[in-house]
């Protein structure tokens, strides 16, 4: 008997969905920062065994959209409710039900088996955790509840086993040696974007997008040219920094991570261009891999 299914991870921004997926997959598929809205796409991480295939799906945090970009991100999150064989709703010890009651109601009505994950339990005491579990039992009575610390990998193994148990009987959806549905270029853009999120403040991380213009892979070296798009000339100046210092730092950090990810030497060139108001332009959003209506 072979089991396979889509296990979709949803929840509010910054509760640790990407950290959880990476812990469950055992690979660094999704980028992780302390900033909300780090994940912009729906990203698959595939775990294969002899008699099973789990297709995990990391999604953007649920938020009320202010831009066309955020509308597209919300569509990725909502789509995860429609095709889940198992649904993982992630909250944490600081999150509240009231942040997004509408989405929780949709989760409640979803017919798929539901696991509620309370993340970051390493940050509170046992008494508070018990009270939190009791509260969620009332809010989502049909959910199984797993308190975890994704960053410490605490209680991840029992969660993984339970997810596997809940999978339906099915042949594999992807090749057994496949780790994700995304191409190499996608991970290049995500690694660069992660470095932008960690190196810049205020609106900069949220107003940029990255596009790979050249990706040439040889036996020992990958040559990459990538463009960072900003919305305004002033942002372009901040990204480049005095004498190009800030951009060089981003490039160096990104290159080191890429060499670990691809297990090859990487030659990376970064450029910065201005694309005014790209977050509200459907044609640009589509070229960056989003799907505005």
C-alpha atoms as a PDB file:
ATOM      1  CA  UNK A   1       0.000   0.000   0.000  1.00  0.00           C
ATOM      2  CA  UNK A   2       1.348   3.411  -1.004  1.00  0.00           C
ATOM      3  CA  UNK A   3       0.168   6.664   0.582  1.00  0.00           C
ATOM      4  CA  UNK A   4       0.484  10.161  -0.864  1.00  0.00           C
ATOM      5  CA  UNK A   5      -1.140  13.519  -0.303  1.00  0.00           C
ATOM      6  CA  UNK A   6      -0.946  17.285  -0.111  1.00  0.00           C
ATOM      7  CA  UNK A   7      -0.315  18.621   3.383  1.00  0.00           C
ATOM      8  CA  UNK A   8      -0.927  22.361   3.346  1.00  0.00           C
ATOM      9  CA  UNK A   9       0.480  24.740   5.948  1.00  0.00           C
ATOM     10  CA  UNK A  10      -1.548  27.912   6.602  1.00  0.00           C
ATOM     11  CA  UNK A  11      -1.757  30.593   9.276  1.00  0.00           C
ATOM     12  CA  UNK A  12      -1.098  34.221  10.129  1.00  0.00           C
ATOM     13  CA  UNK A  13       2.186  35.972   9.236  1.00  0.00           C
ATOM     14  CA  UNK A  14       5.246  35.301  11.391  1.00  0.00           C
ATOM     15  CA  UNK A  15       3.979  32.249  13.312  1.00  0.00           C
ATOM     16  CA  UNK A  16       6.771  30.026  11.942  1.00  0.00           C
ATOM     17  CA  UNK A  17       5.159  28.254   8.969  1.00  0.00           C
ATOM     18  CA  UNK A  18       8.354  28.234   6.906  1.00  0.00           C
ATOM     19  CA  UNK A  19      10.491  27.073   9.849  1.00  0.00           C
ATOM     20  CA  UNK A  20       7.977  24.273  10.436  1.00  0.00           C
ATOM     21  CA  UNK A  21       8.000  23.167   6.805  1.00  0.00           C
ATOM     22  CA  UNK A  22      11.792  23.099   6.687  1.00  0.00           C
ATOM     23  CA  UNK A  23      11.819  21.016   9.884  1.00  0.00           C
ATOM     24  CA  UNK A  24       9.260  18.554   8.467  1.00  0.00           C
ATOM     25  CA  UNK A  25      10.982  18.303   5.075  1.00  0.00           C
ATOM     26  CA  UNK A  26      14.478  18.126   6.556  1.00  0.00           C
ATOM     27  CA  UNK A  27      15.778  20.615   3.986  1.00  0.00           C
ATOM     28  CA  UNK A  28      15.902  24.400   3.758  1.00  0.00           C
ATOM     29  CA  UNK A  29      13.165  24.934   1.173  1.00  0.00           C
ATOM     30  CA  UNK A  30      11.565  28.160   2.419  1.00  0.00           C
ATOM     31  CA  UNK A  31      13.451  31.305   3.375  1.00  0.00           C
ATOM     32  CA  UNK A  32      13.071  32.420   6.967  1.00  0.00           C
ATOM     33  CA  UNK A  33      13.393  35.854   8.558  1.00  0.00           C
ATOM     34  CA  UNK A  34      11.874  37.552  11.574  1.00  0.00           C
ATOM     35  CA  UNK A  35       9.852  39.858   9.301  1.00  0.00           C
ATOM     36  CA  UNK A  36       6.238  39.219   8.345  1.00  0.00           C
ATOM     37  CA  UNK A  37       5.416  38.546   4.669  1.00  0.00           C
ATOM     38  CA  UNK A  38       8.720  36.738   4.083  1.00  0.00           C
ATOM     39  CA  UNK A  39       6.942  34.025   2.060  1.00  0.00           C
ATOM     40  CA  UNK A  40       5.245  35.409  -1.063  1.00  0.00           C
ATOM     41  CA  UNK A  41       4.595  32.233  -3.070  1.00  0.00           C
ATOM     42  CA  UNK A  42       3.162  28.796  -2.419  1.00  0.00           C
ATOM     43  CA  UNK A  43       6.198  26.521  -2.185  1.00  0.00           C
ATOM     44  CA  UNK A  44       6.157  22.718  -2.192  1.00  0.00           C
ATOM     45  CA  UNK A  45       8.547  20.580  -0.174  1.00  0.00           C
ATOM     46  CA  UNK A  46       8.357  16.863  -0.995  1.00  0.00           C
ATOM     47  CA  UNK A  47       9.268  14.055   1.427  1.00  0.00           C
ATOM     48  CA  UNK A  48       9.591  10.578  -0.083  1.00  0.00           C
ATOM     49  CA  UNK A  49       9.680   7.152   1.509  1.00  0.00           C
ATOM     50  CA  UNK A  50       9.341   3.667   0.070  1.00  0.00           C
ATOM     51  CA  UNK A  51       5.603   3.550   0.730  1.00  0.00           C
ATOM     52  CA  UNK A  52       4.682   7.246   0.990  1.00  0.00           C
ATOM     53  CA  UNK A  53       5.058  10.721  -0.479  1.00  0.00           C
ATOM     54  CA  UNK A  54       4.166  13.827   1.549  1.00  0.00           C
ATOM     55  CA  UNK A  55       3.806  17.020  -0.477  1.00  0.00           C
ATOM     56  CA  UNK A  56       4.072  19.857   2.027  1.00  0.00           C
ATOM     57  CA  UNK A  57       2.940  23.285   0.896  1.00  0.00           C
ATOM     58  CA  UNK A  58       4.180  26.480   2.559  1.00  0.00           C
ATOM     59  CA  UNK A  59       1.949  29.516   1.984  1.00  0.00           C
ATOM     60  CA  UNK A  60       2.121  33.271   2.604  1.00  0.00           C
ATOM     61  CA  UNK A  61       0.780  34.498   5.930  1.00  0.00           C
ATOM     62  CA  UNK A  62      -2.876  35.470   5.773  1.00  0.00           C
ATOM     63  CA  UNK A  63      -3.326  39.255   5.735  1.00  0.00           C
ATOM     64  CA  UNK A  64      -5.774  41.863   4.563  1.00  0.00           C
ATOM     65  CA  UNK A  65      -4.348  43.066   1.229  1.00  0.00           C
ATOM     66  CA  UNK A  66      -3.204  46.641   0.540  1.00  0.00           C
ATOM     67  CA  UNK A  67      -1.592  45.924  -2.832  1.00  0.00           C
ATOM     68  CA  UNK A  68      -2.309  43.741  -5.851  1.00  0.00           C
ATOM     69  CA  UNK A  69       0.767  41.759  -4.779  1.00  0.00           C
ATOM     70  CA  UNK A  70      -0.834  40.981  -1.407  1.00  0.00           C
ATOM     71  CA  UNK A  71      -4.091  39.995  -3.134  1.00  0.00           C
ATOM     72  CA  UNK A  72      -2.115  37.405  -5.086  1.00  0.00           C
ATOM     73  CA  UNK A  73      -0.410  36.206  -1.888  1.00  0.00           C
ATOM     74  CA  UNK A  74      -3.819  35.770  -0.242  1.00  0.00           C
ATOM     75  CA  UNK A  75      -4.978  33.702  -3.233  1.00  0.00           C
ATOM     76  CA  UNK A  76      -2.054  31.304  -2.631  1.00  0.00           C
ATOM     77  CA  UNK A  77      -3.182  30.904   0.998  1.00  0.00           C
ATOM     78  CA  UNK A  78      -6.848  30.389   0.092  1.00  0.00           C
ATOM     79  CA  UNK A  79      -5.997  27.871  -2.631  1.00  0.00           C
ATOM     80  CA  UNK A  80      -4.307  25.776   0.052  1.00  0.00           C
ATOM     81  CA  UNK A  81      -7.733  25.237   1.633  1.00  0.00           C
ATOM     82  CA  UNK A  82      -9.204  23.750  -1.542  1.00  0.00           C
ATOM     83  CA  UNK A  83      -6.760  20.937  -2.303  1.00  0.00           C
ATOM     84  CA  UNK A  84      -5.525  19.768   1.115  1.00  0.00           C
ATOM     85  CA  UNK A  85      -5.543  16.101   2.053  1.00  0.00           C
ATOM     86  CA  UNK A  86      -4.331  17.195   5.488  1.00  0.00           C
ATOM     87  CA  UNK A  87      -4.453  20.799   6.721  1.00  0.00           C
ATOM     88  CA  UNK A  88      -1.912  22.175   9.199  1.00  0.00           C
ATOM     89  CA  UNK A  89      -3.099  25.422  10.779  1.00  0.00           C
ATOM     90  CA  UNK A  90      -0.138  27.061  12.484  1.00  0.00           C
ATOM     91  CA  UNK A  91      -0.480  29.491  15.351  1.00  0.00           C
ATOM     92  CA  UNK A  92       2.040  30.420  18.025  1.00  0.00           C
ATOM     93  CA  UNK A  93       2.074  31.403  21.676  1.00  0.00           C
ATOM     94  CA  UNK A  94       1.684  35.129  20.807  1.00  0.00           C
ATOM     95  CA  UNK A  95      -0.876  34.783  17.992  1.00  0.00           C
ATOM     96  CA  UNK A  96      -4.586  35.394  18.543  1.00  0.00           C
ATOM     97  CA  UNK A  97      -7.716  33.975  16.952  1.00  0.00           C
ATOM     98  CA  UNK A  98      -9.067  37.489  16.478  1.00  0.00           C
ATOM     99  CA  UNK A  99      -6.257  38.473  14.064  1.00  0.00           C
ATOM    100  CA  UNK A 100      -8.034  36.727  11.222  1.00  0.00           C
ATOM    101  CA  UNK A 101     -11.350  35.271  12.327  1.00  0.00           C
ATOM    102  CA  UNK A 102     -12.651  34.966   8.752  1.00  0.00           C
ATOM    103  CA  UNK A 103      -9.826  32.665   7.727  1.00  0.00           C
ATOM    104  CA  UNK A 104     -10.118  30.547  10.882  1.00  0.00           C
ATOM    105  CA  UNK A 105     -13.821  30.089  10.099  1.00  0.00           C
ATOM    106  CA  UNK A 106     -12.867  28.829   6.619  1.00  0.00           C
ATOM    107  CA  UNK A 107     -10.386  26.430   8.239  1.00  0.00           C
ATOM    108  CA  UNK A 108     -13.119  25.216  10.584  1.00  0.00           C
ATOM    109  CA  UNK A 109     -15.403  24.379   7.643  1.00  0.00           C
ATOM    110  CA  UNK A 110     -12.682  22.587   5.652  1.00  0.00           C
ATOM    111  CA  UNK A 111     -13.431  18.855   5.310  1.00  0.00           C
ATOM    112  CA  UNK A 112      -9.767  17.730   5.383  1.00  0.00           C
ATOM    113  CA  UNK A 113      -8.263  16.300   8.595  1.00  0.00           C
ATOM    114  CA  UNK A 114      -7.060  19.292  10.616  1.00  0.00           C
ATOM    115  CA  UNK A 115      -3.996  19.549  12.828  1.00  0.00           C
ATOM    116  CA  UNK A 116      -3.603  22.718  14.873  1.00  0.00           C
ATOM    117  CA  UNK A 117       0.047  23.443  15.609  1.00  0.00           C
ATOM    118  CA  UNK A 118       0.956  25.770  18.473  1.00  0.00           C
ATOM    119  CA  UNK A 119       4.504  26.861  17.672  1.00  0.00           C
ATOM    120  CA  UNK A 120       7.230  28.545  19.774  1.00  0.00           C
ATOM    121  CA  UNK A 121       6.273  26.715  22.979  1.00  0.00           C
ATOM    122  CA  UNK A 122       9.888  27.113  24.140  1.00  0.00           C
ATOM    123  CA  UNK A 123       8.956  30.759  24.876  1.00  0.00           C
ATOM    124  CA  UNK A 124       6.202  30.180  27.491  1.00  0.00           C
ATOM    125  CA  UNK A 125       5.674  28.122  30.636  1.00  0.00           C
ATOM    126  CA  UNK A 126       3.558  24.994  30.952  1.00  0.00           C
ATOM    127  CA  UNK A 127       0.616  26.640  32.754  1.00  0.00           C
ATOM    128  CA  UNK A 128       0.142  29.205  29.975  1.00  0.00           C
ATOM    129  CA  UNK A 129       0.512  26.500  27.333  1.00  0.00           C
ATOM    130  CA  UNK A 130      -2.220  24.343  28.913  1.00  0.00           C
ATOM    131  CA  UNK A 131      -4.560  27.367  28.965  1.00  0.00           C
ATOM    132  CA  UNK A 132      -3.760  28.049  25.302  1.00  0.00           C
ATOM    133  CA  UNK A 133      -4.450  24.432  24.301  1.00  0.00           C
ATOM    134  CA  UNK A 134      -7.789  24.538  26.161  1.00  0.00           C
ATOM    135  CA  UNK A 135      -8.731  27.763  24.361  1.00  0.00           C
ATOM    136  CA  UNK A 136      -7.993  26.298  20.907  1.00  0.00           C
ATOM    137  CA  UNK A 137      -9.910  23.097  21.763  1.00  0.00           C
ATOM    138  CA  UNK A 138     -13.017  25.278  22.072  1.00  0.00           C
ATOM    139  CA  UNK A 139     -12.272  27.322  18.920  1.00  0.00           C
ATOM    140  CA  UNK A 140     -11.412  24.321  16.707  1.00  0.00           C
ATOM    141  CA  UNK A 141     -13.035  21.316  18.419  1.00  0.00           C
ATOM    142  CA  UNK A 142     -12.387  18.833  15.587  1.00  0.00           C
ATOM    143  CA  UNK A 143      -8.654  19.649  15.332  1.00  0.00           C
ATOM    144  CA  UNK A 144      -5.837  17.524  16.707  1.00  0.00           C
ATOM    145  CA  UNK A 145      -3.479  19.819  18.636  1.00  0.00           C
ATOM    146  CA  UNK A 146       0.325  19.545  18.560  1.00  0.00           C
ATOM    147  CA  UNK A 147       2.392  22.001  20.628  1.00  0.00           C
ATOM    148  CA  UNK A 148       5.825  22.284  18.967  1.00  0.00           C
ATOM    149  CA  UNK A 149       8.992  24.333  18.769  1.00  0.00           C
ATOM    150  CA  UNK A 150       9.875  24.250  15.075  1.00  0.00           C
ATOM    151  CA  UNK A 151      13.166  26.052  15.604  1.00  0.00           C
ATOM    152  CA  UNK A 152      14.200  23.552  18.325  1.00  0.00           C
ATOM    153  CA  UNK A 153      12.622  20.659  16.361  1.00  0.00           C
ATOM    154  CA  UNK A 154      10.678  19.708  19.497  1.00  0.00           C
ATOM    155  CA  UNK A 155       7.696  17.369  18.880  1.00  0.00           C
ATOM    156  CA  UNK A 156       8.336  17.424  15.101  1.00  0.00           C
ATOM    157  CA  UNK A 157       8.829  13.653  14.824  1.00  0.00           C
ATOM    158  CA  UNK A 158       5.429  12.721  16.365  1.00  0.00           C
ATOM    159  CA  UNK A 159       3.782  15.357  14.146  1.00  0.00           C
ATOM    160  CA  UNK A 160       5.469  13.915  11.052  1.00  0.00           C
ATOM    161  CA  UNK A 161       4.290  10.390  11.954  1.00  0.00           C
ATOM    162  CA  UNK A 162       0.722  11.591  12.485  1.00  0.00           C
ATOM    163  CA  UNK A 163       0.689  13.406   9.139  1.00  0.00           C
ATOM    164  CA  UNK A 164       1.892  10.212   7.453  1.00  0.00           C
ATOM    165  CA  UNK A 165      -0.883   8.212   9.146  1.00  0.00           C
ATOM    166  CA  UNK A 166      -3.530  10.629   7.829  1.00  0.00           C
ATOM    167  CA  UNK A 167      -2.423  10.423   4.181  1.00  0.00           C
ATOM    168  CA  UNK A 168      -4.855   8.758   1.771  1.00  0.00           C
ATOM    169  CA  UNK A 169      -3.900   5.740  -0.307  1.00  0.00           C
ATOM    170  CA  UNK A 170      -2.513   7.067  -3.572  1.00  0.00           C
ATOM    171  CA  UNK A 171       0.359   6.701  -6.026  1.00  0.00           C
ATOM    172  CA  UNK A 172       3.095   9.355  -5.875  1.00  0.00           C
ATOM    173  CA  UNK A 173       2.334  12.725  -7.492  1.00  0.00           C
ATOM    174  CA  UNK A 174       5.986  13.567  -8.217  1.00  0.00           C
ATOM    175  CA  UNK A 175       9.160  11.663  -9.048  1.00  0.00           C
ATOM    176  CA  UNK A 176      10.578  10.036  -5.949  1.00  0.00           C
ATOM    177  CA  UNK A 177      13.854  11.966  -6.192  1.00  0.00           C
ATOM    178  CA  UNK A 178      12.108  15.356  -6.442  1.00  0.00           C
ATOM    179  CA  UNK A 179      12.428  17.720  -3.486  1.00  0.00           C
ATOM    180  CA  UNK A 180      10.288  20.657  -4.674  1.00  0.00           C
ATOM    181  CA  UNK A 181       8.198  21.904  -7.595  1.00  0.00           C
ATOM    182  CA  UNK A 182      10.264  25.082  -8.010  1.00  0.00           C
ATOM    183  CA  UNK A 183      13.154  25.516 -10.499  1.00  0.00           C
ATOM    184  CA  UNK A 184      16.679  26.501  -9.447  1.00  0.00           C
ATOM    185  CA  UNK A 185      16.123  30.120 -10.525  1.00  0.00           C
ATOM    186  CA  UNK A 186      13.315  30.462  -7.983  1.00  0.00           C
ATOM    187  CA  UNK A 187      15.647  29.597  -5.096  1.00  0.00           C
ATOM    188  CA  UNK A 188      18.201  32.119  -6.366  1.00  0.00           C
ATOM    189  CA  UNK A 189      15.580  34.885  -6.158  1.00  0.00           C
ATOM    190  CA  UNK A 190      14.433  33.707  -2.711  1.00  0.00           C
ATOM    191  CA  UNK A 191      17.965  33.628  -1.278  1.00  0.00           C
ATOM    192  CA  UNK A 192      18.651  37.158  -2.547  1.00  0.00           C
ATOM    193  CA  UNK A 193      15.305  38.345  -1.181  1.00  0.00           C
ATOM    194  CA  UNK A 194      16.091  36.802   2.205  1.00  0.00           C
ATOM    195  CA  UNK A 195      19.317  38.835   2.367  1.00  0.00           C
ATOM    196  CA  UNK A 196      17.399  41.985   1.470  1.00  0.00           C
ATOM    197  CA  UNK A 197      14.895  41.240   4.256  1.00  0.00           C
ATOM    198  CA  UNK A 198      17.679  40.834   6.804  1.00  0.00           C
ATOM    199  CA  UNK A 199      19.877  43.768   5.683  1.00  0.00           C
ATOM    200  CA  UNK A 200      17.343  46.571   5.099  1.00  0.00           C
ATOM    201  CA  UNK A 201      14.650  48.171   7.241  1.00  0.00           C
ATOM    202  CA  UNK A 202      11.314  49.932   6.825  1.00  0.00           C
ATOM    203  CA  UNK A 203       9.662  49.636   3.410  1.00  0.00           C
ATOM    204  CA  UNK A 204      12.684  48.423   1.415  1.00  0.00           C
ATOM    205  CA  UNK A 205      12.210  44.627   1.861  1.00  0.00           C
ATOM    206  CA  UNK A 206       8.519  44.844   0.947  1.00  0.00           C
ATOM    207  CA  UNK A 207       8.936  47.054  -2.116  1.00  0.00           C
ATOM    208  CA  UNK A 208      11.546  44.969  -3.944  1.00  0.00           C
ATOM    209  CA  UNK A 209      11.396  41.895  -6.159  1.00  0.00           C
ATOM    210  CA  UNK A 210      14.209  39.849  -7.673  1.00  0.00           C
ATOM    211  CA  UNK A 211      14.453  38.427 -11.185  1.00  0.00           C
ATOM    212  CA  UNK A 212      17.172  36.141 -12.561  1.00  0.00           C
ATOM    213  CA  UNK A 213      18.304  37.208 -16.024  1.00  0.00           C
ATOM    214  CA  UNK A 214      21.075  34.651 -16.480  1.00  0.00           C
ATOM    215  CA  UNK A 215      21.605  31.211 -14.945  1.00  0.00           C
ATOM    216  CA  UNK A 216      24.373  29.177 -16.554  1.00  0.00           C
ATOM    217  CA  UNK A 217      25.319  25.984 -14.764  1.00  0.00           C
ATOM    218  CA  UNK A 218      28.589  24.213 -15.485  1.00  0.00           C
ATOM    219  CA  UNK A 219      30.168  21.187 -13.825  1.00  0.00           C
ATOM    220  CA  UNK A 220      31.830  23.235 -11.082  1.00  0.00           C
ATOM    221  CA  UNK A 221      30.522  26.792 -11.442  1.00  0.00           C
ATOM    222  CA  UNK A 222      27.141  28.523 -11.766  1.00  0.00           C
ATOM    223  CA  UNK A 223      27.095  32.007 -13.314  1.00  0.00           C
ATOM    224  CA  UNK A 224      24.141  34.116 -12.230  1.00  0.00           C
ATOM    225  CA  UNK A 225      23.005  37.619 -13.173  1.00  0.00           C
ATOM    226  CA  UNK A 226      20.057  38.920 -11.149  1.00  0.00           C
ATOM    227  CA  UNK A 227      18.158  42.188 -11.022  1.00  0.00           C
ATOM    228  CA  UNK A 228      16.693  43.692  -7.851  1.00  0.00           C
ATOM    229  CA  UNK A 229      13.661  45.814  -8.755  1.00  0.00           C
ATOM    230  CA  UNK A 230      12.799  48.745  -6.493  1.00  0.00           C
ATOM    231  CA  UNK A 231       9.733  50.998  -6.726  1.00  0.00           C
ATOM    232  CA  UNK A 232      11.516  54.360  -6.400  1.00  0.00           C
ATOM    233  CA  UNK A 233      14.886  55.943  -7.212  1.00  0.00           C
ATOM    234  CA  UNK A 234      15.440  56.714  -3.519  1.00  0.00           C
ATOM    235  CA  UNK A 235      15.054  52.980  -2.725  1.00  0.00           C
ATOM    236  CA  UNK A 236      17.565  52.112  -5.437  1.00  0.00           C
ATOM    237  CA  UNK A 237      20.098  54.399  -3.755  1.00  0.00           C
ATOM    238  CA  UNK A 238      19.538  52.786  -0.350  1.00  0.00           C
ATOM    239  CA  UNK A 239      19.862  49.254  -1.774  1.00  0.00           C
ATOM    240  CA  UNK A 240      23.164  50.088  -3.494  1.00  0.00           C
ATOM    241  CA  UNK A 241      24.507  52.043  -0.523  1.00  0.00           C
ATOM    242  CA  UNK A 242      27.509  54.351  -0.315  1.00  0.00           C
ATOM    243  CA  UNK A 243      30.079  53.218  -2.861  1.00  0.00           C
ATOM    244  CA  UNK A 244      28.024  50.068  -3.525  1.00  0.00           C
ATOM    245  CA  UNK A 245      28.792  48.747  -0.029  1.00  0.00           C
ATOM    246  CA  UNK A 246      25.256  47.586   0.885  1.00  0.00           C
ATOM    247  CA  UNK A 247      24.663  45.766  -2.408  1.00  0.00           C
ATOM    248  CA  UNK A 248      28.052  44.076  -2.158  1.00  0.00           C
ATOM    249  CA  UNK A 249      27.164  42.776   1.333  1.00  0.00           C
ATOM    250  CA  UNK A 250      23.873  41.330   0.061  1.00  0.00           C
ATOM    251  CA  UNK A 251      25.670  39.751  -2.907  1.00  0.00           C
ATOM    252  CA  UNK A 252      28.374  38.163  -0.737  1.00  0.00           C
ATOM    253  CA  UNK A 253      25.881  36.708   1.760  1.00  0.00           C
ATOM    254  CA  UNK A 254      23.599  35.438  -1.032  1.00  0.00           C
ATOM    255  CA  UNK A 255      26.489  33.857  -2.951  1.00  0.00           C
ATOM    256  CA  UNK A 256      27.649  31.938   0.146  1.00  0.00           C
ATOM    257  CA  UNK A 257      24.146  30.555   0.736  1.00  0.00           C
ATOM    258  CA  UNK A 258      23.780  29.632  -2.941  1.00  0.00           C
ATOM    259  CA  UNK A 259      27.051  27.715  -2.853  1.00  0.00           C
ATOM    260  CA  UNK A 260      25.721  25.702   0.100  1.00  0.00           C
ATOM    261  CA  UNK A 261      22.335  25.202  -1.600  1.00  0.00           C
ATOM    262  CA  UNK A 262      23.716  24.110  -5.004  1.00  0.00           C
ATOM    263  CA  UNK A 263      26.955  22.552  -3.686  1.00  0.00           C
ATOM    264  CA  UNK A 264      28.922  24.404  -6.381  1.00  0.00           C
ATOM    265  CA  UNK A 265      30.918  27.603  -6.739  1.00  0.00           C
ATOM    266  CA  UNK A 266      28.739  30.560  -7.712  1.00  0.00           C
ATOM    267  CA  UNK A 267      29.652  33.725  -9.596  1.00  0.00           C
ATOM    268  CA  UNK A 268      26.899  36.243  -8.807  1.00  0.00           C
ATOM    269  CA  UNK A 269      26.327  39.668 -10.314  1.00  0.00           C
ATOM    270  CA  UNK A 270      23.566  41.900  -8.913  1.00  0.00           C
ATOM    271  CA  UNK A 271      22.008  44.944 -10.555  1.00  0.00           C
ATOM    272  CA  UNK A 272      19.354  47.350  -9.259  1.00  0.00           C
ATOM    273  CA  UNK A 273      16.595  48.804 -11.457  1.00  0.00           C
ATOM    274  CA  UNK A 274      13.511  50.910 -10.764  1.00  0.00           C
ATOM    275  CA  UNK A 275      10.072  49.619 -11.763  1.00  0.00           C
ATOM    276  CA  UNK A 276       7.636  52.179 -10.407  1.00  0.00           C
ATOM    277  CA  UNK A 277       4.635  50.807  -8.473  1.00  0.00           C
ATOM    278  CA  UNK A 278       5.283  47.212  -9.599  1.00  0.00           C
ATOM    279  CA  UNK A 279       3.253  45.819  -6.663  1.00  0.00           C
ATOM    280  CA  UNK A 280       0.078  47.151  -8.296  1.00  0.00           C
ATOM    281  CA  UNK A 281       0.891  46.269 -11.941  1.00  0.00           C
ATOM    282  CA  UNK A 282      -0.669  42.995 -13.074  1.00  0.00           C
ATOM    283  CA  UNK A 283       1.721  42.579 -16.008  1.00  0.00           C
ATOM    284  CA  UNK A 284       4.793  42.839 -13.745  1.00  0.00           C
ATOM    285  CA  UNK A 285       3.236  40.620 -11.083  1.00  0.00           C
ATOM    286  CA  UNK A 286       2.663  37.895 -13.685  1.00  0.00           C
ATOM    287  CA  UNK A 287       6.279  38.174 -14.904  1.00  0.00           C
ATOM    288  CA  UNK A 288       7.410  37.656 -11.279  1.00  0.00           C
ATOM    289  CA  UNK A 289       5.295  34.506 -10.956  1.00  0.00           C
ATOM    290  CA  UNK A 290       2.222  35.889  -9.221  1.00  0.00           C
ATOM    291  CA  UNK A 291      -1.273  35.436 -10.613  1.00  0.00           C
ATOM    292  CA  UNK A 292      -3.449  38.508 -10.051  1.00  0.00           C
ATOM    293  CA  UNK A 293      -7.038  38.171 -11.213  1.00  0.00           C
END
